[in-house]
Amino acid sequence: MLQLQTLALVAAEVFGRALPVMRQALLLLCVLLSTAVVNMACAPVRSRLLVVLEFMSFSVLAVTITLGLYLLGDEPLDAVPAVSRGPV
């Protein structure tokens, strides 16, 4: 199972190089989420705690990519209230 995860991540990186950066991030997000779902459904590891910790790790990566896409989207950063420089 670990080799399949590694192969999916490498394939996303290799074939995603021709895509724009936003599409690369979305492709990586899809691969991470699908891997996390398969790991939770199949539970290939004997220790349930390791499965849960791995799922939490994938979740943190997915949230980080999603927030990066949100903050660095098509809008300028000044449009996001959390990083505005002062009163408008």
PDB file of N, CA and C in Angstrom:
ATOM      1  N   MET A   1       0.821  -1.188   0.000  1.00  0.00           N
ATOM      2  CA  MET A   1       0.000   0.000   0.000  1.00  0.00           C
ATOM      3  C   MET A   1       0.869   1.258   0.000  1.00  0.00           C
ATOM      4  N   LEU A   2       1.971   1.210   0.725  1.00  0.00           N
ATOM      5  CA  LEU A   2       2.865   2.362   0.795  1.00  0.00           C
ATOM      6  C   LEU A   2       3.470   2.661  -0.574  1.00  0.00           C
ATOM      7  N   GLN A   3       3.786   1.620  -1.326  1.00  0.00           N
ATOM      8  CA  GLN A   3       4.336   1.828  -2.670  1.00  0.00           C
ATOM      9  C   GLN A   3       3.302   2.464  -3.597  1.00  0.00           C
ATOM     10  N   LEU A   4       2.048   2.093  -3.444  1.00  0.00           N
ATOM     11  CA  LEU A   4       0.981   2.687  -4.250  1.00  0.00           C
ATOM     12  C   LEU A   4       0.801   4.162  -3.918  1.00  0.00           C
ATOM     13  N   GLN A   5       0.897   4.509  -2.647  1.00  0.00           N
ATOM     14  CA  GLN A   5       0.814   5.915  -2.243  1.00  0.00           C
ATOM     15  C   GLN A   5       1.968   6.716  -2.841  1.00  0.00           C
ATOM     16  N   THR A   6       3.162   6.167  -2.752  1.00  0.00           N
ATOM     17  CA  THR A   6       4.334   6.850  -3.299  1.00  0.00           C
ATOM     18  C   THR A   6       4.214   6.999  -4.802  1.00  0.00           C
ATOM     19  N   LEU A   7       3.748   5.972  -5.480  1.00  0.00           N
ATOM     20  CA  LEU A   7       3.567   6.031  -6.921  1.00  0.00           C
ATOM     21  C   LEU A   7       2.540   7.088  -7.313  1.00  0.00           C
ATOM     22  N   ALA A   8       1.461   7.195  -6.568  1.00  0.00           N
ATOM     23  CA  ALA A   8       0.440   8.207  -6.859  1.00  0.00           C
ATOM     24  C   ALA A   8       0.984   9.614  -6.677  1.00  0.00           C
ATOM     25  N   LEU A   9       1.754   9.843  -5.618  1.00  0.00           N
ATOM     26  CA  LEU A   9       2.341  11.162  -5.388  1.00  0.00           C
ATOM     27  C   LEU A   9       3.379  11.517  -6.445  1.00  0.00           C
ATOM     28  N   VAL A  10       4.195  10.545  -6.847  1.00  0.00           N
ATOM     29  CA  VAL A  10       5.196  10.792  -7.895  1.00  0.00           C
ATOM     30  C   VAL A  10       4.507  11.049  -9.220  1.00  0.00           C
ATOM     31  N   ALA A  11       3.467  10.291  -9.535  1.00  0.00           N
ATOM     32  CA  ALA A  11       2.742  10.507 -10.791  1.00  0.00           C
ATOM     33  C   ALA A  11       2.082  11.881 -10.809  1.00  0.00           C
ATOM     34  N   ALA A  12       1.540  12.308  -9.678  1.00  0.00           N
ATOM     35  CA  ALA A  12       0.937  13.640  -9.610  1.00  0.00           C
ATOM     36  C   ALA A  12       1.988  14.716  -9.825  1.00  0.00           C
ATOM     37  N   GLU A  13       3.182  14.518  -9.289  1.00  0.00           N
ATOM     38  CA  GLU A  13       4.239  15.510  -9.470  1.00  0.00           C
ATOM     39  C   GLU A  13       4.758  15.525 -10.902  1.00  0.00           C
ATOM     40  N   VAL A  14       4.982  14.350 -11.480  1.00  0.00           N
ATOM     41  CA  VAL A  14       5.554  14.275 -12.833  1.00  0.00           C
ATOM     42  C   VAL A  14       4.566  14.780 -13.873  1.00  0.00           C
ATOM     43  N   PHE A  15       3.333  14.305 -13.820  1.00  0.00           N
ATOM     44  CA  PHE A  15       2.360  14.712 -14.830  1.00  0.00           C
ATOM     45  C   PHE A  15       1.784  16.101 -14.546  1.00  0.00           C
ATOM     46  N   GLY A  16       1.924  16.560 -13.314  1.00  0.00           N
ATOM     47  CA  GLY A  16       1.420  17.877 -12.970  1.00  0.00           C
ATOM     48  C   GLY A  16       2.354  19.011 -13.342  1.00  0.00           C
ATOM     49  N   ARG A  17       3.572  18.701 -13.744  1.00  0.00           N
ATOM     50  CA  ARG A  17       4.533  19.755 -14.087  1.00  0.00           C
ATOM     51  C   ARG A  17       4.078  20.572 -15.284  1.00  0.00           C
ATOM     52  N   ALA A  18       3.282  19.986 -16.155  1.00  0.00           N
ATOM     53  CA  ALA A  18       2.808  20.706 -17.338  1.00  0.00           C
ATOM     54  C   ALA A  18       1.624  21.615 -17.005  1.00  0.00           C
ATOM     55  N   LEU A  19       1.077  21.485 -15.815  1.00  0.00           N
ATOM     56  CA  LEU A  19      -0.086  22.269 -15.414  1.00  0.00           C
ATOM     57  C   LEU A  19       0.331  23.555 -14.709  1.00  0.00           C
ATOM     58  N   PRO A  20      -0.563  24.542 -14.688  1.00  0.00           N
ATOM     59  CA  PRO A  20      -0.284  25.737 -13.874  1.00  0.00           C
ATOM     60  C   PRO A  20      -0.228  25.377 -12.390  1.00  0.00           C
ATOM     61  N   VAL A  21       0.347  26.262 -11.592  1.00  0.00           N
ATOM     62  CA  VAL A  21       0.581  25.978 -10.174  1.00  0.00           C
ATOM     63  C   VAL A  21      -0.718  25.691  -9.430  1.00  0.00           C
ATOM     64  N   MET A  22      -1.775  26.433  -9.725  1.00  0.00           N
ATOM     65  CA  MET A  22      -3.051  26.200  -9.035  1.00  0.00           C
ATOM     66  C   MET A  22      -3.594  24.805  -9.334  1.00  0.00           C
ATOM     67  N   ARG A  23      -3.474  24.382 -10.580  1.00  0.00           N
ATOM     68  CA  ARG A  23      -3.950  23.033 -10.944  1.00  0.00           C
ATOM     69  C   ARG A  23      -3.071  21.955 -10.308  1.00  0.00           C
ATOM     70  N   GLN A  24      -1.767  22.213 -10.186  1.00  0.00           N
ATOM     71  CA  GLN A  24      -0.881  21.265  -9.517  1.00  0.00           C
ATOM     72  C   GLN A  24      -1.307  21.073  -8.066  1.00  0.00           C
ATOM     73  N   ALA A  25      -1.627  22.170  -7.408  1.00  0.00           N
ATOM     74  CA  ALA A  25      -2.053  22.086  -6.009  1.00  0.00           C
ATOM     75  C   ALA A  25      -3.366  21.314  -5.886  1.00  0.00           C
ATOM     76  N   LEU A  26      -4.291  21.556  -6.794  1.00  0.00           N
ATOM     77  CA  LEU A  26      -5.566  20.826  -6.762  1.00  0.00           C
ATOM     78  C   LEU A  26      -5.361  19.340  -7.029  1.00  0.00           C
ATOM     79  N   LEU A  27      -4.458  19.016  -7.950  1.00  0.00           N
ATOM     80  CA  LEU A  27      -4.156  17.612  -8.237  1.00  0.00           C
ATOM     81  C   LEU A  27      -3.538  16.941  -7.017  1.00  0.00           C
ATOM     82  N   LEU A  28      -2.603  17.615  -6.368  1.00  0.00           N
ATOM     83  CA  LEU A  28      -1.992  17.061  -5.160  1.00  0.00           C
ATOM     84  C   LEU A  28      -3.029  16.899  -4.058  1.00  0.00           C
ATOM     85  N   LEU A  29      -3.924  17.858  -3.936  1.00  0.00           N
ATOM     86  CA  LEU A  29      -4.990  17.761  -2.938  1.00  0.00           C
ATOM     87  C   LEU A  29      -5.874  16.550  -3.191  1.00  0.00           C
ATOM     88  N   CYS A  30      -6.228  16.310  -4.442  1.00  0.00           N
ATOM     89  CA  CYS A  30      -7.052  15.135  -4.779  1.00  0.00           C
ATOM     90  C   CYS A  30      -6.328  13.834  -4.453  1.00  0.00           C
ATOM     91  N   VAL A  31      -5.040  13.768  -4.756  1.00  0.00           N
ATOM     92  CA  VAL A  31      -4.268  12.552  -4.468  1.00  0.00           C
ATOM     93  C   VAL A  31      -4.169  12.328  -2.963  1.00  0.00           C
ATOM     94  N   LEU A  32      -3.901  13.391  -2.211  1.00  0.00           N
ATOM     95  CA  LEU A  32      -3.801  13.246  -0.754  1.00  0.00           C
ATOM     96  C   LEU A  32      -5.122  12.805  -0.137  1.00  0.00           C
ATOM     97  N   LEU A  33      -6.219  13.413  -0.567  1.00  0.00           N
ATOM     98  CA  LEU A  33      -7.524  13.040  -0.005  1.00  0.00           C
ATOM     99  C   LEU A  33      -7.921  11.617  -0.377  1.00  0.00           C
ATOM    100  N   SER A  34      -7.671  11.217  -1.612  1.00  0.00           N
ATOM    101  CA  SER A  34      -8.022   9.850  -2.009  1.00  0.00           C
ATOM    102  C   SER A  34      -7.163   8.828  -1.267  1.00  0.00           C
ATOM    103  N   THR A  35      -5.897   9.139  -1.054  1.00  0.00           N
ATOM    104  CA  THR A  35      -5.031   8.240  -0.294  1.00  0.00           C
ATOM    105  C   THR A  35      -5.501   8.131   1.153  1.00  0.00           C
ATOM    106  N   ALA A  36      -5.891   9.250   1.739  1.00  0.00           N
ATOM    107  CA  ALA A  36      -6.382   9.223   3.116  1.00  0.00           C
ATOM    108  C   ALA A  36      -7.662   8.403   3.234  1.00  0.00           C
ATOM    109  N   VAL A  37      -8.557   8.546   2.268  1.00  0.00           N
ATOM    110  CA  VAL A  37      -9.812   7.785   2.296  1.00  0.00           C
ATOM    111  C   VAL A  37      -9.548   6.292   2.147  1.00  0.00           C
ATOM    112  N   VAL A  38      -8.661   5.929   1.233  1.00  0.00           N
ATOM    113  CA  VAL A  38      -8.338   4.511   1.047  1.00  0.00           C
ATOM    114  C   VAL A  38      -7.691   3.939   2.303  1.00  0.00           C
ATOM    115  N   ASN A  39      -6.809   4.699   2.928  1.00  0.00           N
ATOM    116  CA  ASN A  39      -6.170   4.213   4.158  1.00  0.00           C
ATOM    117  C   ASN A  39      -7.177   4.023   5.287  1.00  0.00           C
ATOM    118  N   MET A  40      -8.129   4.925   5.406  1.00  0.00           N
ATOM    119  CA  MET A  40      -9.128   4.775   6.460  1.00  0.00           C
ATOM    120  C   MET A  40     -10.094   3.625   6.163  1.00  0.00           C
ATOM    121  N   ALA A  41     -10.369   3.383   4.892  1.00  0.00           N
ATOM    122  CA  ALA A  41     -11.302   2.314   4.530  1.00  0.00           C
ATOM    123  C   ALA A  41     -10.657   0.933   4.639  1.00  0.00           C
ATOM    124  N   CYS A  42      -9.407   0.819   4.212  1.00  0.00           N
ATOM    125  CA  CYS A  42      -8.752  -0.493   4.179  1.00  0.00           C
ATOM    126  C   CYS A  42      -8.031  -0.844   5.473  1.00  0.00           C
ATOM    127  N   ALA A  43      -7.485   0.162   6.144  1.00  0.00           N
ATOM    128  CA  ALA A  43      -6.713  -0.027   7.378  1.00  0.00           C
ATOM    129  C   ALA A  43      -5.624  -1.090   7.193  1.00  0.00           C
ATOM    130  N   PRO A  44      -4.634  -0.812   6.321  1.00  0.00           N
ATOM    131  CA  PRO A  44      -3.617  -1.817   6.047  1.00  0.00           C
ATOM    132  C   PRO A  44      -2.594  -1.996   7.172  1.00  0.00           C
ATOM    133  N   VAL A  45      -2.560  -1.102   8.132  1.00  0.00           N
ATOM    134  CA  VAL A  45      -1.592  -1.178   9.216  1.00  0.00           C
ATOM    135  C   VAL A  45      -2.233  -1.891  10.398  1.00  0.00           C
ATOM    136  N   ARG A  46      -1.447  -2.643  11.120  1.00  0.00           N
ATOM    137  CA  ARG A  46      -1.997  -3.392  12.259  1.00  0.00           C
ATOM    138  C   ARG A  46      -2.444  -2.486  13.393  1.00  0.00           C
ATOM    139  N   SER A  47      -1.705  -1.440  13.624  1.00  0.00           N
ATOM    140  CA  SER A  47      -2.030  -0.542  14.727  1.00  0.00           C
ATOM    141  C   SER A  47      -3.044   0.501  14.278  1.00  0.00           C
ATOM    142  N   ARG A  48      -4.162   0.547  14.932  1.00  0.00           N
ATOM    143  CA  ARG A  48      -5.221   1.516  14.596  1.00  0.00           C
ATOM    144  C   ARG A  48      -4.755   2.946  14.881  1.00  0.00           C
ATOM    145  N   LEU A  49      -3.926   3.115  15.889  1.00  0.00           N
ATOM    146  CA  LEU A  49      -3.416   4.446  16.226  1.00  0.00           C
ATOM    147  C   LEU A  49      -2.571   5.007  15.082  1.00  0.00           C
ATOM    148  N   LEU A  50      -1.759   4.165  14.443  1.00  0.00           N
ATOM    149  CA  LEU A  50      -0.963   4.631  13.310  1.00  0.00           C
ATOM    150  C   LEU A  50      -1.839   5.056  12.142  1.00  0.00           C
ATOM    151  N   VAL A  51      -2.926   4.348  11.917  1.00  0.00           N
ATOM    152  CA  VAL A  51      -3.852   4.709  10.845  1.00  0.00           C
ATOM    153  C   VAL A  51      -4.480   6.070  11.122  1.00  0.00           C
ATOM    154  N   VAL A  52      -4.894   6.284  12.360  1.00  0.00           N
ATOM    155  CA  VAL A  52      -5.509   7.559  12.726  1.00  0.00           C
ATOM    156  C   VAL A  52      -4.493   8.696  12.633  1.00  0.00           C
ATOM    157  N   LEU A  53      -3.276   8.473  13.097  1.00  0.00           N
ATOM    158  CA  LEU A  53      -2.244   9.509  13.012  1.00  0.00           C
ATOM    159  C   LEU A  53      -1.896   9.834  11.560  1.00  0.00           C
ATOM    160  N   GLU A  54      -1.858   8.820  10.716  1.00  0.00           N
ATOM    161  CA  GLU A  54      -1.587   9.063   9.291  1.00  0.00           C
ATOM    162  C   GLU A  54      -2.734   9.852   8.651  1.00  0.00           C
ATOM    163  N   PHE A  55      -3.955   9.532   9.029  1.00  0.00           N
ATOM    164  CA  PHE A  55      -5.097  10.280   8.515  1.00  0.00           C
ATOM    165  C   PHE A  55      -5.043  11.730   8.968  1.00  0.00           C
ATOM    166  N   MET A  56      -4.676  11.961  10.215  1.00  0.00           N
ATOM    167  CA  MET A  56      -4.543  13.333  10.713  1.00  0.00           C
ATOM    168  C   MET A  56      -3.447  14.083   9.957  1.00  0.00           C
ATOM    169  N   SER A  57      -2.366  13.396   9.628  1.00  0.00           N
ATOM    170  CA  SER A  57      -1.285  14.018   8.863  1.00  0.00           C
ATOM    171  C   SER A  57      -1.772  14.417   7.474  1.00  0.00           C
ATOM    172  N   PHE A  58      -2.487  13.528   6.805  1.00  0.00           N
ATOM    173  CA  PHE A  58      -3.051  13.850   5.491  1.00  0.00           C
ATOM    174  C   PHE A  58      -4.054  14.998   5.596  1.00  0.00           C
ATOM    175  N   SER A  59      -4.816  15.028   6.682  1.00  0.00           N
ATOM    176  CA  SER A  59      -5.797  16.102   6.862  1.00  0.00           C
ATOM    177  C   SER A  59      -5.114  17.459   7.017  1.00  0.00           C
ATOM    178  N   VAL A  60      -4.038  17.502   7.775  1.00  0.00           N
ATOM    179  CA  VAL A  60      -3.301  18.756   7.944  1.00  0.00           C
ATOM    180  C   VAL A  60      -2.719  19.219   6.616  1.00  0.00           C
ATOM    181  N   LEU A  61      -2.166  18.299   5.840  1.00  0.00           N
ATOM    182  CA  LEU A  61      -1.641  18.663   4.519  1.00  0.00           C
ATOM    183  C   LEU A  61      -2.747  19.187   3.609  1.00  0.00           C
ATOM    184  N   ALA A  62      -3.909  18.537   3.637  1.00  0.00           N
ATOM    185  CA  ALA A  62      -5.022  18.958   2.792  1.00  0.00           C
ATOM    186  C   ALA A  62      -5.521  20.349   3.185  1.00  0.00           C
ATOM    187  N   VAL A  63      -5.626  20.600   4.486  1.00  0.00           N
ATOM    188  CA  VAL A  63      -6.068  21.921   4.946  1.00  0.00           C
ATOM    189  C   VAL A  63      -5.034  22.986   4.574  1.00  0.00           C
ATOM    190  N   THR A  64      -3.761  22.659   4.681  1.00  0.00           N
ATOM    191  CA  THR A  64      -2.705  23.611   4.320  1.00  0.00           C
ATOM    192  C   THR A  64      -2.779  23.969   2.841  1.00  0.00           C
ATOM    193  N   ILE A  65      -2.969  22.980   1.985  1.00  0.00           N
ATOM    194  CA  ILE A  65      -3.077  23.246   0.547  1.00  0.00           C
ATOM    195  C   ILE A  65      -4.335  24.049   0.249  1.00  0.00           C
ATOM    196  N   THR A  66      -5.440  23.697   0.894  1.00  0.00           N
ATOM    197  CA  THR A  66      -6.692  24.423   0.664  1.00  0.00           C
ATOM    198  C   THR A  66      -6.579  25.880   1.090  1.00  0.00           C
ATOM    199  N   LEU A  67      -5.987  26.128   2.246  1.00  0.00           N
ATOM    200  CA  LEU A  67      -5.806  27.509   2.701  1.00  0.00           C
ATOM    201  C   LEU A  67      -4.839  28.269   1.790  1.00  0.00           C
ATOM    202  N   GLY A  68      -3.820  27.580   1.303  1.00  0.00           N
ATOM    203  CA  GLY A  68      -2.908  28.218   0.358  1.00  0.00           C
ATOM    204  C   GLY A  68      -3.605  28.601  -0.927  1.00  0.00           C
ATOM    205  N   LEU A  69      -4.486  27.744  -1.418  1.00  0.00           N
ATOM    206  CA  LEU A  69      -5.256  28.072  -2.618  1.00  0.00           C
ATOM    207  C   LEU A  69      -6.222  29.208  -2.357  1.00  0.00           C
ATOM    208  N   TYR A  70      -6.783  29.240  -1.171  1.00  0.00           N
ATOM    209  CA  TYR A  70      -7.726  30.310  -0.836  1.00  0.00           C
ATOM    210  C   TYR A  70      -7.020  31.655  -0.737  1.00  0.00           C
ATOM    211  N   LEU A  71      -5.892  31.676  -0.075  1.00  0.00           N
ATOM    212  CA  LEU A  71      -5.192  32.938   0.149  1.00  0.00           C
ATOM    213  C   LEU A  71      -4.425  33.419  -1.077  1.00  0.00           C
ATOM    214  N   LEU A  72      -4.008  32.519  -1.931  1.00  0.00           N
ATOM    215  CA  LEU A  72      -3.233  32.904  -3.100  1.00  0.00           C
ATOM    216  C   LEU A  72      -4.003  32.675  -4.390  1.00  0.00           C
ATOM    217  N   GLY A  73      -5.303  32.848  -4.330  1.00  0.00           N
ATOM    218  CA  GLY A  73      -6.156  32.662  -5.500  1.00  0.00           C
ATOM    219  C   GLY A  73      -5.976  33.788  -6.500  1.00  0.00           C
ATOM    220  N   ASP A  74      -7.005  34.042  -7.292  1.00  0.00           N
ATOM    221  CA  ASP A  74      -6.963  35.081  -8.312  1.00  0.00           C
ATOM    222  C   ASP A  74      -7.054  36.476  -7.717  1.00  0.00           C
ATOM    223  N   GLU A  75      -7.549  36.584  -6.474  1.00  0.00           N
ATOM    224  CA  GLU A  75      -7.688  37.884  -5.840  1.00  0.00           C
ATOM    225  C   GLU A  75      -6.334  38.353  -5.317  1.00  0.00           C
ATOM    226  N   PRO A  76      -6.124  39.657  -5.251  1.00  0.00           N
ATOM    227  CA  PRO A  76      -4.911  40.137  -4.575  1.00  0.00           C
ATOM    228  C   PRO A  76      -5.020  39.903  -3.077  1.00  0.00           C
ATOM    229  N   LEU A  77      -3.897  39.850  -2.406  1.00  0.00           N
ATOM    230  CA  LEU A  77      -3.905  39.578  -0.970  1.00  0.00           C
ATOM    231  C   LEU A  77      -4.589  40.678  -0.168  1.00  0.00           C
ATOM    232  N   ASP A  78      -4.657  41.903  -0.692  1.00  0.00           N
ATOM    233  CA  ASP A  78      -5.320  42.971   0.032  1.00  0.00           C
ATOM    234  C   ASP A  78      -6.820  42.763   0.140  1.00  0.00           C
ATOM    235  N   ALA A  79      -7.370  41.898  -0.691  1.00  0.00           N
ATOM    236  CA  ALA A  79      -8.807  41.638  -0.654  1.00  0.00           C
ATOM    237  C   ALA A  79      -9.197  40.759   0.530  1.00  0.00           C
ATOM    238  N   VAL A  80      -8.226  40.079   1.129  1.00  0.00           N
ATOM    239  CA  VAL A  80      -8.495  39.208   2.264  1.00  0.00           C
ATOM    240  C   VAL A  80      -8.436  40.060   3.523  1.00  0.00           C
ATOM    241  N   PRO A  81      -9.523  40.126   4.319  1.00  0.00           N
ATOM    242  CA  PRO A  81      -9.545  41.015   5.481  1.00  0.00           C
ATOM    243  C   PRO A  81      -8.471  40.704   6.519  1.00  0.00           C
ATOM    244  N   ALA A  82      -8.065  39.452   6.648  1.00  0.00           N
ATOM    245  CA  ALA A  82      -7.124  39.086   7.686  1.00  0.00           C
ATOM    246  C   ALA A  82      -5.738  39.687   7.447  1.00  0.00           C
ATOM    247  N   VAL A  83      -5.415  40.037   6.219  1.00  0.00           N
ATOM    248  CA  VAL A  83      -4.084  40.552   5.940  1.00  0.00           C
ATOM    249  C   VAL A  83      -4.143  41.980   5.400  1.00  0.00           C
ATOM    250  N   SER A  84      -5.250  42.690   5.617  1.00  0.00           N
ATOM    251  CA  SER A  84      -5.324  44.060   5.136  1.00  0.00           C
ATOM    252  C   SER A  84      -4.385  44.937   5.945  1.00  0.00           C
ATOM    253  N   ARG A  85      -3.905  45.991   5.340  1.00  0.00           N
ATOM    254  CA  ARG A  85      -2.869  46.817   5.949  1.00  0.00           C
ATOM    255  C   ARG A  85      -3.399  47.931   6.816  1.00  0.00           C
ATOM    256  N   GLY A  86      -4.670  48.144   6.826  1.00  0.00           N
ATOM    257  CA  GLY A  86      -5.206  49.217   7.644  1.00  0.00           C
ATOM    258  C   GLY A  86      -6.649  49.467   7.313  1.00  0.00           C
ATOM    259  N   PRO A  87      -7.213  50.553   7.859  1.00  0.00           N
ATOM    260  CA  PRO A  87      -8.613  50.848   7.577  1.00  0.00           C
ATOM    261  C   PRO A  87      -8.799  51.221   6.108  1.00  0.00           C
ATOM    262  N   VAL A  88      -9.915  50.783   5.592  1.00  0.00           N
ATOM    263  CA  VAL A  88     -10.206  51.045   4.172  1.00  0.00           C
ATOM    264  C   VAL A  88     -11.102  52.240   4.031  1.00  0.00           C
TER     265      VAL A  88
END
